Structure formats: structure tokens, C-alpha cells
Amino acid sequence: MFVVPPNGSLALYANFSSVPSVIAFLRFIGILNASVWFGASLFFTFGIAPAFFTPEMKNLLGDIYAGLVAQSVLERYFILHYCCGAVAIMHQLAEWVYLGKALHRLTFGLLMAIMALSLIGGLWLQPKLKELHRIRYGRPEQFPPQQRAQAEKAFKSWHGVSQVMNLAVLAGLAGLAWRLSVPSNGSRFSTGKFRG
């Protein structure tokens, strides 16, 4: 019969021979996820996104379609954030359950802040920018010049806000990757003979 030890940690239960393997697997998943998340976000921010607004792209597609393509890619960028964020939360909870250690407040708080900014950006700000883009480049018979000018001004302001939020997320992801790869306490990923 299986009995959970009194301290709640499955890792310290003597009958589990897989403890070192599971601890190594948890660490690998956490670091891999943070690396993919940070690397993809960095590449998108400094490699992919600026390409949509180069003179070559604007000559090829025009301002309207370059913006539409950028919005389509940005939707997928936020899906990456949601998926990596879900994996990161599950990783933190798996560590908590398996190792019986309290969640690190700084690491978990950083993760929650990153997820909050990602959700705000993807579910609220991005649709707002999409609508402003539609008005800005809409047909003159649909939107009067004054409304289009207001949309252009608002778009530029909200786009600046989204850029600041994205840079905050990047800084948070760098911190999260650091926190996961250099644990604050040396025994976080080690029990007995295992040296992580």
C-alpha cells in the first residue's frame, strides 16, 4: 500500500528508486521551457517583428498588408507565450508536489507577472491594435478622416505601450531562465547521491 510521507514530499520517500531521474527530468523541463520561451521571444522581438516594417517589406506589401501580416504572426507569438507559460506553471507545481518544497516566491511571482503581461497583451491590447489598424487603413466612406487620424494617433500610442510590455516580458523571461538554471538553494534539485 502506498502512503505519502508526513512531510508531503514524494522525492524523500525511500521506496521510489526513480527519485534522481524524476528530479533531473523536472530540472531539464524547466530549463528547456524557459530557454525556448526566452529564445523565441528574443528572436521574435529583434529578428522577426522589425522585418515587417523594413522598406523592402513595405514596398512588397504596402503599409496595410505589412501590418496585417505582422498582426497574424503576433497572434501566434502570444500562443507561444500561453503554451510556455502553462508548461512553466505545471513545472513549478510538479516541483512543489514532488519535492515537497514551498514555491519560490520570487520565481513564481515573476512567472505570474510574465503571464499577466502576456495575457493582457494577447487578449486585450492586440485586438485593440488590430481594430485601430482596421480604422486607420479603412475605406474613406466607412471612416471619416478625423476618425482615421484619431485611430492613427491611438495606434502609435498603444503600439508603444505594447513594445514596453514586450521588453518587460523579455526582462522577466531572462530573470526566470536565470532563476531556473541557477537555483537559490543548492539542494533544490538534489537528494542523496544525485548531484544536479
N, C-alpha and C. Protein backbone atom coordinates (compact mmCIF):
# COMPACT_ATOMS: atom_id res chain seq x y z
N MET A 1 0.84 -1.18 0.00
CA MET A 1 0.00 0.00 0.00
C MET A 1 0.88 1.25 0.00
N PHE A 2 0.50 2.21 -0.82
CA PHE A 2 1.25 3.45 -0.95
C PHE A 2 0.80 4.45 0.09
N VAL A 3 1.77 5.01 0.81
CA VAL A 3 1.48 6.03 1.81
C VAL A 3 2.37 7.23 1.52
N VAL A 4 1.78 8.40 1.45
CA VAL A 4 2.56 9.62 1.25
C VAL A 4 3.25 9.95 2.56
N PRO A 5 4.55 10.27 2.53
CA PRO A 5 5.26 10.59 3.76
C PRO A 5 4.68 11.83 4.44
N PRO A 6 4.91 11.95 5.75
CA PRO A 6 4.31 13.05 6.50
C PRO A 6 4.71 14.44 6.00
N ASN A 7 5.92 14.60 5.45
CA ASN A 7 6.33 15.93 5.00
C ASN A 7 5.75 16.27 3.64
N GLY A 8 5.04 15.33 2.98
CA GLY A 8 4.38 15.59 1.72
C GLY A 8 5.27 15.49 0.50
N SER A 9 6.54 15.18 0.69
CA SER A 9 7.46 15.12 -0.44
C SER A 9 7.59 13.70 -0.96
N LEU A 10 7.22 13.50 -2.21
CA LEU A 10 7.39 12.19 -2.82
C LEU A 10 8.86 11.87 -3.06
N ALA A 11 9.68 12.88 -3.25
CA ALA A 11 11.10 12.69 -3.54
C ALA A 11 11.85 12.08 -2.37
N LEU A 12 11.39 12.32 -1.17
CA LEU A 12 12.10 11.80 0.00
C LEU A 12 11.59 10.43 0.44
N TYR A 13 10.64 9.90 -0.27
CA TYR A 13 10.06 8.60 0.07
C TYR A 13 11.04 7.51 -0.36
N ALA A 14 11.53 6.72 0.54
CA ALA A 14 12.63 5.78 0.31
C ALA A 14 12.32 4.72 -0.74
N ASN A 15 11.08 4.35 -0.94
CA ASN A 15 10.74 3.27 -1.87
C ASN A 15 10.74 3.70 -3.33
N PHE A 16 10.94 4.98 -3.62
CA PHE A 16 10.99 5.45 -5.00
C PHE A 16 12.42 5.42 -5.51
N SER A 17 12.72 4.47 -6.37
CA SER A 17 14.08 4.38 -6.93
C SER A 17 14.28 5.39 -8.06
N SER A 18 13.20 5.97 -8.53
CA SER A 18 13.28 6.89 -9.67
C SER A 18 13.52 8.34 -9.26
N VAL A 19 13.76 8.59 -7.98
CA VAL A 19 13.89 9.95 -7.49
C VAL A 19 14.92 10.76 -8.28
N PRO A 20 16.16 10.29 -8.43
CA PRO A 20 17.14 11.10 -9.17
C PRO A 20 16.72 11.37 -10.62
N SER A 21 16.12 10.38 -11.25
CA SER A 21 15.69 10.57 -12.64
C SER A 21 14.57 11.59 -12.76
N VAL A 22 13.62 11.54 -11.86
CA VAL A 22 12.49 12.47 -11.90
C VAL A 22 12.97 13.89 -11.60
N ILE A 23 13.86 14.03 -10.63
CA ILE A 23 14.39 15.35 -10.31
C ILE A 23 15.15 15.92 -11.50
N ALA A 24 15.97 15.10 -12.14
CA ALA A 24 16.72 15.54 -13.32
C ALA A 24 15.75 15.91 -14.45
N PHE A 25 14.71 15.11 -14.63
CA PHE A 25 13.72 15.39 -15.67
C PHE A 25 13.00 16.71 -15.41
N LEU A 26 12.60 16.95 -14.16
CA LEU A 26 11.93 18.20 -13.81
C LEU A 26 12.83 19.40 -14.08
N ARG A 27 14.09 19.27 -13.70
CA ARG A 27 15.01 20.38 -13.95
C ARG A 27 15.20 20.61 -15.44
N PHE A 28 15.34 19.52 -16.20
CA PHE A 28 15.51 19.63 -17.64
C PHE A 28 14.30 20.32 -18.29
N ILE A 29 13.10 19.91 -17.92
CA ILE A 29 11.88 20.51 -18.48
C ILE A 29 11.81 22.00 -18.15
N GLY A 30 12.10 22.35 -16.91
CA GLY A 30 12.04 23.76 -16.51
C GLY A 30 13.02 24.62 -17.27
N ILE A 31 14.26 24.15 -17.38
CA ILE A 31 15.29 24.93 -18.08
C ILE A 31 15.02 24.95 -19.58
N LEU A 32 14.62 23.83 -20.16
CA LEU A 32 14.31 23.78 -21.60
C LEU A 32 13.17 24.73 -21.95
N ASN A 33 12.11 24.69 -21.17
CA ASN A 33 10.96 25.55 -21.43
C ASN A 33 11.35 27.03 -21.32
N ALA A 34 12.07 27.39 -20.27
CA ALA A 34 12.49 28.79 -20.10
C ALA A 34 13.40 29.22 -21.24
N SER A 35 14.27 28.32 -21.69
CA SER A 35 15.19 28.65 -22.79
C SER A 35 14.44 28.86 -24.10
N VAL A 36 13.52 27.96 -24.40
CA VAL A 36 12.74 28.08 -25.63
C VAL A 36 11.90 29.35 -25.58
N TRP A 37 11.25 29.60 -24.46
CA TRP A 37 10.39 30.77 -24.30
C TRP A 37 11.19 32.05 -24.47
N PHE A 38 12.31 32.16 -23.76
CA PHE A 38 13.14 33.36 -23.83
C PHE A 38 13.77 33.52 -25.22
N GLY A 39 14.31 32.42 -25.76
CA GLY A 39 14.95 32.49 -27.08
C GLY A 39 13.99 32.87 -28.19
N ALA A 40 12.82 32.25 -28.19
CA ALA A 40 11.82 32.57 -29.22
C ALA A 40 11.34 34.01 -29.10
N SER A 41 11.14 34.48 -27.87
CA SER A 41 10.70 35.85 -27.66
C SER A 41 11.76 36.85 -28.09
N LEU A 42 13.00 36.54 -27.79
CA LEU A 42 14.12 37.40 -28.18
C LEU A 42 14.23 37.47 -29.71
N PHE A 43 14.14 36.30 -30.35
CA PHE A 43 14.24 36.24 -31.81
C PHE A 43 13.08 36.98 -32.46
N PHE A 44 11.88 36.80 -31.93
CA PHE A 44 10.73 37.49 -32.50
C PHE A 44 10.88 39.01 -32.36
N THR A 45 11.26 39.46 -31.16
CA THR A 45 11.33 40.90 -30.88
C THR A 45 12.39 41.60 -31.71
N PHE A 46 13.57 40.99 -31.84
CA PHE A 46 14.67 41.68 -32.50
C PHE A 46 14.96 41.17 -33.91
N GLY A 47 14.36 40.05 -34.30
CA GLY A 47 14.61 39.49 -35.62
C GLY A 47 13.42 39.53 -36.55
N ILE A 48 12.30 39.00 -36.09
CA ILE A 48 11.13 38.85 -36.96
C ILE A 48 10.30 40.12 -37.03
N ALA A 49 9.89 40.67 -35.89
CA ALA A 49 8.98 41.82 -35.88
C ALA A 49 9.52 43.03 -36.66
N PRO A 50 10.78 43.40 -36.49
CA PRO A 50 11.28 44.55 -37.25
C PRO A 50 11.25 44.33 -38.77
N ALA A 51 11.33 43.08 -39.20
CA ALA A 51 11.35 42.78 -40.64
C ALA A 51 10.06 43.21 -41.33
N PHE A 52 8.95 43.23 -40.62
CA PHE A 52 7.68 43.62 -41.24
C PHE A 52 7.61 45.10 -41.59
N PHE A 53 8.48 45.87 -41.00
CA PHE A 53 8.42 47.32 -41.20
C PHE A 53 9.65 47.88 -41.91
N THR A 54 10.39 47.00 -42.58
CA THR A 54 11.53 47.44 -43.38
C THR A 54 11.00 48.05 -44.68
N PRO A 55 11.79 48.91 -45.30
CA PRO A 55 11.35 49.49 -46.59
C PRO A 55 11.07 48.41 -47.64
N GLU A 56 11.85 47.32 -47.63
CA GLU A 56 11.63 46.25 -48.61
C GLU A 56 10.25 45.61 -48.42
N MET A 57 9.89 45.34 -47.17
CA MET A 57 8.60 44.72 -46.89
C MET A 57 7.46 45.68 -47.23
N LYS A 58 7.62 46.95 -46.90
CA LYS A 58 6.58 47.93 -47.20
C LYS A 58 6.42 48.11 -48.71
N ASN A 59 7.54 48.05 -49.46
CA ASN A 59 7.45 48.13 -50.92
C ASN A 59 6.76 46.89 -51.50
N LEU A 60 7.03 45.75 -50.90
CA LEU A 60 6.45 44.49 -51.38
C LEU A 60 4.96 44.39 -51.05
N LEU A 61 4.60 44.71 -49.82
CA LEU A 61 3.22 44.50 -49.35
C LEU A 61 2.42 45.79 -49.17
N GLY A 62 3.11 46.90 -48.98
CA GLY A 62 2.41 48.14 -48.63
C GLY A 62 2.19 48.20 -47.13
N ASP A 63 1.92 49.39 -46.62
CA ASP A 63 1.74 49.58 -45.18
C ASP A 63 0.60 48.73 -44.62
N ILE A 64 -0.50 48.68 -45.36
CA ILE A 64 -1.69 47.98 -44.86
C ILE A 64 -1.41 46.50 -44.66
N TYR A 65 -0.89 45.84 -45.71
CA TYR A 65 -0.71 44.39 -45.64
C TYR A 65 0.48 43.99 -44.78
N ALA A 66 1.51 44.82 -44.71
CA ALA A 66 2.63 44.53 -43.81
C ALA A 66 2.11 44.49 -42.37
N GLY A 67 1.24 45.44 -42.02
CA GLY A 67 0.64 45.45 -40.69
C GLY A 67 -0.26 44.26 -40.42
N LEU A 68 -1.03 43.86 -41.45
CA LEU A 68 -1.91 42.69 -41.29
C LEU A 68 -1.12 41.40 -41.10
N VAL A 69 -0.06 41.25 -41.86
CA VAL A 69 0.79 40.06 -41.72
C VAL A 69 1.46 40.05 -40.34
N ALA A 70 1.94 41.22 -39.91
CA ALA A 70 2.56 41.32 -38.59
C ALA A 70 1.57 40.93 -37.49
N GLN A 71 0.31 41.35 -37.62
CA GLN A 71 -0.70 41.01 -36.62
C GLN A 71 -0.96 39.51 -36.59
N SER A 72 -0.97 38.89 -37.76
CA SER A 72 -1.19 37.44 -37.83
C SER A 72 -0.06 36.68 -37.14
N VAL A 73 1.16 37.11 -37.38
CA VAL A 73 2.31 36.47 -36.75
C VAL A 73 2.29 36.73 -35.24
N LEU A 74 1.89 37.94 -34.85
CA LEU A 74 1.84 38.29 -33.44
C LEU A 74 0.84 37.44 -32.67
N GLU A 75 -0.26 37.06 -33.31
CA GLU A 75 -1.22 36.17 -32.66
C GLU A 75 -0.56 34.84 -32.30
N ARG A 76 0.27 34.33 -33.19
CA ARG A 76 0.99 33.07 -32.92
C ARG A 76 2.06 33.26 -31.85
N TYR A 77 2.64 34.44 -31.81
CA TYR A 77 3.63 34.77 -30.78
C TYR A 77 2.99 34.69 -29.40
N PHE A 78 1.77 35.18 -29.27
CA PHE A 78 1.10 35.10 -27.97
C PHE A 78 0.70 33.67 -27.64
N ILE A 79 0.39 32.86 -28.62
CA ILE A 79 0.11 31.44 -28.37
C ILE A 79 1.35 30.77 -27.78
N LEU A 80 2.52 31.12 -28.30
CA LEU A 80 3.78 30.62 -27.73
C LEU A 80 3.86 30.99 -26.26
N HIS A 81 3.53 32.24 -25.93
CA HIS A 81 3.57 32.68 -24.53
C HIS A 81 2.61 31.86 -23.67
N TYR A 82 1.41 31.63 -24.16
CA TYR A 82 0.43 30.88 -23.37
C TYR A 82 0.90 29.44 -23.14
N CYS A 83 1.42 28.81 -24.18
CA CYS A 83 1.87 27.41 -24.05
C CYS A 83 3.06 27.30 -23.12
N CYS A 84 4.08 28.13 -23.33
CA CYS A 84 5.27 28.08 -22.47
C CYS A 84 4.92 28.46 -21.04
N GLY A 85 4.01 29.41 -20.87
CA GLY A 85 3.58 29.79 -19.53
C GLY A 85 2.87 28.65 -18.83
N ALA A 86 2.02 27.94 -19.55
CA ALA A 86 1.33 26.78 -18.95
C ALA A 86 2.32 25.71 -18.53
N VAL A 87 3.30 25.43 -19.39
CA VAL A 87 4.34 24.44 -19.04
C VAL A 87 5.12 24.91 -17.81
N ALA A 88 5.45 26.20 -17.75
CA ALA A 88 6.20 26.72 -16.61
C ALA A 88 5.41 26.61 -15.31
N ILE A 89 4.11 26.89 -15.37
CA ILE A 89 3.28 26.76 -14.17
C ILE A 89 3.19 25.30 -13.75
N MET A 90 2.97 24.40 -14.71
CA MET A 90 2.92 22.97 -14.37
C MET A 90 4.25 22.49 -13.80
N HIS A 91 5.35 23.00 -14.34
CA HIS A 91 6.67 22.64 -13.83
C HIS A 91 6.83 23.08 -12.37
N GLN A 92 6.43 24.31 -12.08
CA GLN A 92 6.53 24.80 -10.70
C GLN A 92 5.68 23.96 -9.75
N LEU A 93 4.47 23.62 -10.20
CA LEU A 93 3.58 22.82 -9.35
C LEU A 93 4.10 21.39 -9.19
N ALA A 94 4.67 20.82 -10.26
CA ALA A 94 5.24 19.47 -10.16
C ALA A 94 6.42 19.46 -9.19
N GLU A 95 7.25 20.46 -9.22
CA GLU A 95 8.36 20.57 -8.27
C GLU A 95 7.83 20.66 -6.84
N TRP A 96 6.79 21.44 -6.67
CA TRP A 96 6.21 21.62 -5.35
C TRP A 96 5.67 20.28 -4.82
N VAL A 97 4.92 19.58 -5.67
CA VAL A 97 4.32 18.32 -5.24
C VAL A 97 5.39 17.24 -5.06
N TYR A 98 6.29 17.13 -6.02
CA TYR A 98 7.25 16.03 -5.98
C TYR A 98 8.34 16.25 -4.93
N LEU A 99 8.84 17.48 -4.83
CA LEU A 99 9.93 17.74 -3.89
C LEU A 99 9.43 18.17 -2.52
N GLY A 100 8.16 18.55 -2.42
CA GLY A 100 7.61 18.95 -1.13
C GLY A 100 8.15 20.28 -0.64
N LYS A 101 8.69 21.08 -1.54
CA LYS A 101 9.24 22.37 -1.15
C LYS A 101 8.25 23.47 -1.50
N ALA A 102 8.27 24.51 -0.70
CA ALA A 102 7.41 25.65 -0.98
C ALA A 102 7.82 26.28 -2.31
N LEU A 103 6.85 26.83 -2.99
CA LEU A 103 7.15 27.55 -4.23
C LEU A 103 8.03 28.75 -3.90
N HIS A 104 9.04 28.98 -4.71
CA HIS A 104 9.88 30.15 -4.53
C HIS A 104 9.06 31.38 -4.90
N ARG A 105 8.89 32.27 -3.94
CA ARG A 105 8.03 33.43 -4.16
C ARG A 105 8.50 34.28 -5.34
N LEU A 106 9.79 34.54 -5.40
CA LEU A 106 10.31 35.40 -6.47
C LEU A 106 10.11 34.74 -7.83
N THR A 107 10.46 33.47 -7.93
CA THR A 107 10.32 32.76 -9.21
C THR A 107 8.85 32.68 -9.63
N PHE A 108 8.00 32.28 -8.70
CA PHE A 108 6.58 32.13 -9.03
C PHE A 108 5.94 33.49 -9.31
N GLY A 109 6.33 34.51 -8.54
CA GLY A 109 5.81 35.85 -8.78
C GLY A 109 6.24 36.39 -10.14
N LEU A 110 7.49 36.14 -10.50
CA LEU A 110 7.99 36.54 -11.81
C LEU A 110 7.22 35.84 -12.92
N LEU A 111 6.99 34.56 -12.75
CA LEU A 111 6.22 33.79 -13.72
C LEU A 111 4.79 34.33 -13.86
N MET A 112 4.16 34.65 -12.75
CA MET A 112 2.79 35.18 -12.79
C MET A 112 2.76 36.57 -13.45
N ALA A 113 3.78 37.39 -13.19
CA ALA A 113 3.84 38.71 -13.83
C ALA A 113 4.01 38.58 -15.34
N ILE A 114 4.87 37.66 -15.77
CA ILE A 114 5.07 37.42 -17.20
C ILE A 114 3.77 36.95 -17.84
N MET A 115 3.10 36.03 -17.19
CA MET A 115 1.83 35.51 -17.73
C MET A 115 0.77 36.61 -17.77
N ALA A 116 0.71 37.44 -16.74
CA ALA A 116 -0.27 38.53 -16.73
C ALA A 116 -0.03 39.49 -17.89
N LEU A 117 1.23 39.88 -18.10
CA LEU A 117 1.55 40.77 -19.21
C LEU A 117 1.25 40.12 -20.56
N SER A 118 1.53 38.83 -20.66
CA SER A 118 1.25 38.11 -21.92
C SER A 118 -0.25 38.03 -22.19
N LEU A 119 -1.02 37.76 -21.16
CA LEU A 119 -2.48 37.68 -21.33
C LEU A 119 -3.07 39.06 -21.66
N ILE A 120 -2.59 40.09 -20.98
CA ILE A 120 -3.06 41.45 -21.28
C ILE A 120 -2.70 41.81 -22.72
N GLY A 121 -1.47 41.51 -23.11
CA GLY A 121 -1.02 41.83 -24.47
C GLY A 121 -1.78 41.07 -25.53
N GLY A 122 -1.98 39.79 -25.32
CA GLY A 122 -2.61 38.96 -26.35
C GLY A 122 -4.13 39.03 -26.39
N LEU A 123 -4.76 39.19 -25.24
CA LEU A 123 -6.22 39.14 -25.20
C LEU A 123 -6.89 40.51 -25.18
N TRP A 124 -6.15 41.54 -24.79
CA TRP A 124 -6.75 42.86 -24.73
C TRP A 124 -6.06 43.85 -25.67
N LEU A 125 -4.75 43.98 -25.56
CA LEU A 125 -4.06 45.01 -26.32
C LEU A 125 -3.97 44.68 -27.81
N GLN A 126 -3.68 43.43 -28.14
CA GLN A 126 -3.54 43.08 -29.55
C GLN A 126 -4.86 43.24 -30.33
N PRO A 127 -6.00 42.80 -29.80
CA PRO A 127 -7.25 43.07 -30.51
C PRO A 127 -7.54 44.58 -30.65
N LYS A 128 -7.15 45.35 -29.65
CA LYS A 128 -7.33 46.81 -29.72
C LYS A 128 -6.49 47.38 -30.86
N LEU A 129 -5.23 46.95 -30.97
CA LEU A 129 -4.36 47.41 -32.05
C LEU A 129 -4.89 46.97 -33.42
N LYS A 130 -5.43 45.78 -33.48
CA LYS A 130 -5.99 45.27 -34.74
C LYS A 130 -7.16 46.14 -35.20
N GLU A 131 -8.02 46.51 -34.27
CA GLU A 131 -9.17 47.35 -34.60
C GLU A 131 -8.72 48.75 -35.02
N LEU A 132 -7.75 49.30 -34.30
CA LEU A 132 -7.23 50.63 -34.67
C LEU A 132 -6.58 50.61 -36.05
N HIS A 133 -5.89 49.51 -36.37
CA HIS A 133 -5.28 49.36 -37.70
C HIS A 133 -6.37 49.31 -38.77
N ARG A 134 -7.46 48.61 -38.48
CA ARG A 134 -8.57 48.50 -39.43
C ARG A 134 -9.18 49.87 -39.71
N ILE A 135 -9.36 50.66 -38.66
CA ILE A 135 -9.92 52.01 -38.83
C ILE A 135 -8.92 52.91 -39.55
N ARG A 136 -7.68 52.82 -39.16
CA ARG A 136 -6.64 53.67 -39.74
C ARG A 136 -6.52 53.51 -41.25
N TYR A 137 -6.63 52.27 -41.70
CA TYR A 137 -6.48 51.99 -43.12
C TYR A 137 -7.81 51.64 -43.80
N GLY A 138 -8.91 51.90 -43.12
CA GLY A 138 -10.22 51.59 -43.67
C GLY A 138 -10.59 52.51 -44.83
N ARG A 139 -11.64 52.15 -45.52
CA ARG A 139 -12.12 52.96 -46.65
C ARG A 139 -12.62 54.31 -46.16
N PRO A 140 -12.37 55.36 -46.95
CA PRO A 140 -12.82 56.70 -46.54
C PRO A 140 -14.33 56.80 -46.35
N GLU A 141 -15.09 56.00 -47.11
CA GLU A 141 -16.54 56.07 -46.94
C GLU A 141 -17.00 55.39 -45.65
N GLN A 142 -16.17 54.49 -45.10
CA GLN A 142 -16.51 53.84 -43.83
C GLN A 142 -16.10 54.68 -42.62
N PHE A 143 -14.92 55.29 -42.74
CA PHE A 143 -14.36 56.03 -41.60
C PHE A 143 -13.95 57.44 -42.07
N PRO A 144 -14.51 58.47 -41.47
CA PRO A 144 -14.14 59.84 -41.86
C PRO A 144 -12.67 60.12 -41.52
N PRO A 145 -12.07 61.10 -42.20
CA PRO A 145 -10.64 61.41 -41.98
C PRO A 145 -10.30 61.70 -40.51
N GLN A 146 -11.19 62.36 -39.81
CA GLN A 146 -10.91 62.67 -38.40
C GLN A 146 -10.81 61.38 -37.57
N GLN A 147 -11.70 60.42 -37.81
CA GLN A 147 -11.67 59.15 -37.08
C GLN A 147 -10.40 58.37 -37.43
N ARG A 148 -10.02 58.42 -38.71
CA ARG A 148 -8.80 57.71 -39.14
C ARG A 148 -7.56 58.34 -38.50
N ALA A 149 -7.54 59.67 -38.41
CA ALA A 149 -6.41 60.36 -37.79
C ALA A 149 -6.33 60.03 -36.30
N GLN A 150 -7.49 59.98 -35.63
CA GLN A 150 -7.51 59.60 -34.21
C GLN A 150 -7.03 58.17 -34.03
N ALA A 151 -7.45 57.27 -34.94
CA ALA A 151 -7.02 55.87 -34.86
C ALA A 151 -5.51 55.75 -35.05
N GLU A 152 -4.97 56.54 -35.97
CA GLU A 152 -3.52 56.51 -36.21
C GLU A 152 -2.75 56.96 -34.95
N LYS A 153 -3.22 58.03 -34.34
CA LYS A 153 -2.58 58.54 -33.13
C LYS A 153 -2.68 57.53 -31.98
N ALA A 154 -3.88 56.98 -31.80
CA ALA A 154 -4.08 55.99 -30.75
C ALA A 154 -3.26 54.73 -31.01
N PHE A 155 -3.19 54.31 -32.27
CA PHE A 155 -2.41 53.12 -32.63
C PHE A 155 -0.94 53.31 -32.24
N LYS A 156 -0.39 54.47 -32.56
CA LYS A 156 1.02 54.72 -32.23
C LYS A 156 1.25 54.69 -30.73
N SER A 157 0.33 55.26 -29.97
CA SER A 157 0.46 55.26 -28.50
C SER A 157 0.39 53.85 -27.94
N TRP A 158 -0.64 53.10 -28.34
CA TRP A 158 -0.82 51.74 -27.83
C TRP A 158 0.28 50.81 -28.33
N HIS A 159 0.79 51.05 -29.52
CA HIS A 159 1.91 50.24 -30.02
C HIS A 159 3.14 50.46 -29.15
N GLY A 160 3.36 51.70 -28.73
CA GLY A 160 4.46 52.00 -27.80
C GLY A 160 4.29 51.27 -26.48
N VAL A 161 3.06 51.26 -25.98
CA VAL A 161 2.78 50.54 -24.73
C VAL A 161 3.07 49.05 -24.92
N SER A 162 2.67 48.50 -26.05
CA SER A 162 2.91 47.07 -26.29
C SER A 162 4.41 46.77 -26.38
N GLN A 163 5.19 47.69 -26.94
CA GLN A 163 6.63 47.50 -27.01
C GLN A 163 7.26 47.49 -25.61
N VAL A 164 6.83 48.41 -24.77
CA VAL A 164 7.33 48.47 -23.39
C VAL A 164 6.97 47.18 -22.65
N MET A 165 5.72 46.73 -22.83
CA MET A 165 5.29 45.48 -22.18
C MET A 165 6.12 44.31 -22.67
N ASN A 166 6.39 44.26 -23.97
CA ASN A 166 7.18 43.17 -24.52
C ASN A 166 8.60 43.18 -23.96
N LEU A 167 9.20 44.34 -23.82
CA LEU A 167 10.54 44.42 -23.24
C LEU A 167 10.53 44.00 -21.76
N ALA A 168 9.45 44.34 -21.04
CA ALA A 168 9.32 43.89 -19.65
C ALA A 168 9.21 42.37 -19.59
N VAL A 169 8.45 41.79 -20.53
CA VAL A 169 8.34 40.33 -20.58
C VAL A 169 9.70 39.71 -20.88
N LEU A 170 10.44 40.28 -21.82
CA LEU A 170 11.78 39.76 -22.13
C LEU A 170 12.69 39.80 -20.91
N ALA A 171 12.68 40.92 -20.19
CA ALA A 171 13.50 41.02 -18.98
C ALA A 171 13.05 39.97 -17.95
N GLY A 172 11.75 39.80 -17.81
CA GLY A 172 11.23 38.79 -16.89
C GLY A 172 11.63 37.39 -17.30
N LEU A 173 11.59 37.10 -18.59
CA LEU A 173 11.98 35.77 -19.08
C LEU A 173 13.47 35.52 -18.85
N ALA A 174 14.29 36.55 -19.02
CA ALA A 174 15.72 36.40 -18.73
C ALA A 174 15.92 36.07 -17.25
N GLY A 175 15.18 36.79 -16.39
CA GLY A 175 15.26 36.51 -14.96
C GLY A 175 14.75 35.13 -14.61
N LEU A 176 13.67 34.71 -15.24
CA LEU A 176 13.12 33.38 -14.98
C LEU A 176 14.10 32.30 -15.42
N ALA A 177 14.68 32.45 -16.60
CA ALA A 177 15.67 31.47 -17.08
C ALA A 177 16.84 31.41 -16.12
N TRP A 178 17.27 32.55 -15.64
CA TRP A 178 18.37 32.58 -14.68
C TRP A 178 17.97 31.87 -13.38
N ARG A 179 16.80 32.20 -12.85
CA ARG A 179 16.36 31.59 -11.58
C ARG A 179 16.24 30.06 -11.69
N LEU A 180 15.81 29.58 -12.85
CA LEU A 180 15.65 28.13 -13.00
C LEU A 180 16.98 27.42 -13.24
N SER A 181 17.92 28.09 -13.87
CA SER A 181 19.19 27.42 -14.16
C SER A 181 20.19 27.55 -13.02
N VAL A 182 20.02 28.54 -12.15
CA VAL A 182 20.91 28.72 -11.01
C VAL A 182 20.03 28.77 -9.76
N PRO A 183 19.70 27.60 -9.22
CA PRO A 183 18.78 27.58 -8.07
C PRO A 183 19.34 28.35 -6.89
N SER A 184 18.44 28.98 -6.14
CA SER A 184 18.85 29.79 -5.00
C SER A 184 19.36 28.94 -3.85
N ASN A 185 18.91 27.70 -3.78
CA ASN A 185 19.42 26.83 -2.73
C ASN A 185 19.96 25.57 -3.39
N GLY A 186 21.14 25.20 -3.02
CA GLY A 186 21.86 24.12 -3.69
C GLY A 186 21.17 22.78 -3.64
N SER A 187 20.29 22.55 -2.65
CA SER A 187 19.66 21.23 -2.54
C SER A 187 18.32 21.15 -3.26
N ARG A 188 17.97 22.19 -3.99
CA ARG A 188 16.66 22.20 -4.63
C ARG A 188 16.46 21.01 -5.54
N PHE A 189 17.49 20.63 -6.29
CA PHE A 189 17.37 19.55 -7.25
C PHE A 189 18.18 18.33 -6.86
N SER A 190 18.58 18.22 -5.64
CA SER A 190 19.41 17.07 -5.28
C SER A 190 18.90 16.39 -4.03
N THR A 191 18.94 15.08 -4.05
CA THR A 191 18.64 14.27 -2.87
C THR A 191 19.64 13.15 -2.84
N GLY A 192 20.18 12.91 -1.70
CA GLY A 192 21.10 11.78 -1.56
C GLY A 192 22.30 11.87 -2.49
N LYS A 193 22.43 10.83 -3.35
CA LYS A 193 23.59 10.69 -4.22
C LYS A 193 23.50 11.58 -5.47
N PHE A 194 22.31 12.02 -5.82
CA PHE A 194 22.15 12.79 -7.06
C PHE A 194 22.77 14.16 -6.92
N ARG A 195 23.56 14.54 -7.90
CA ARG A 195 24.17 15.87 -7.92
C ARG A 195 23.73 16.56 -9.18
N GLY A 196 22.90 17.61 -9.04
CA GLY A 196 22.35 18.29 -10.21
C GLY A 196 23.05 19.54 -10.43
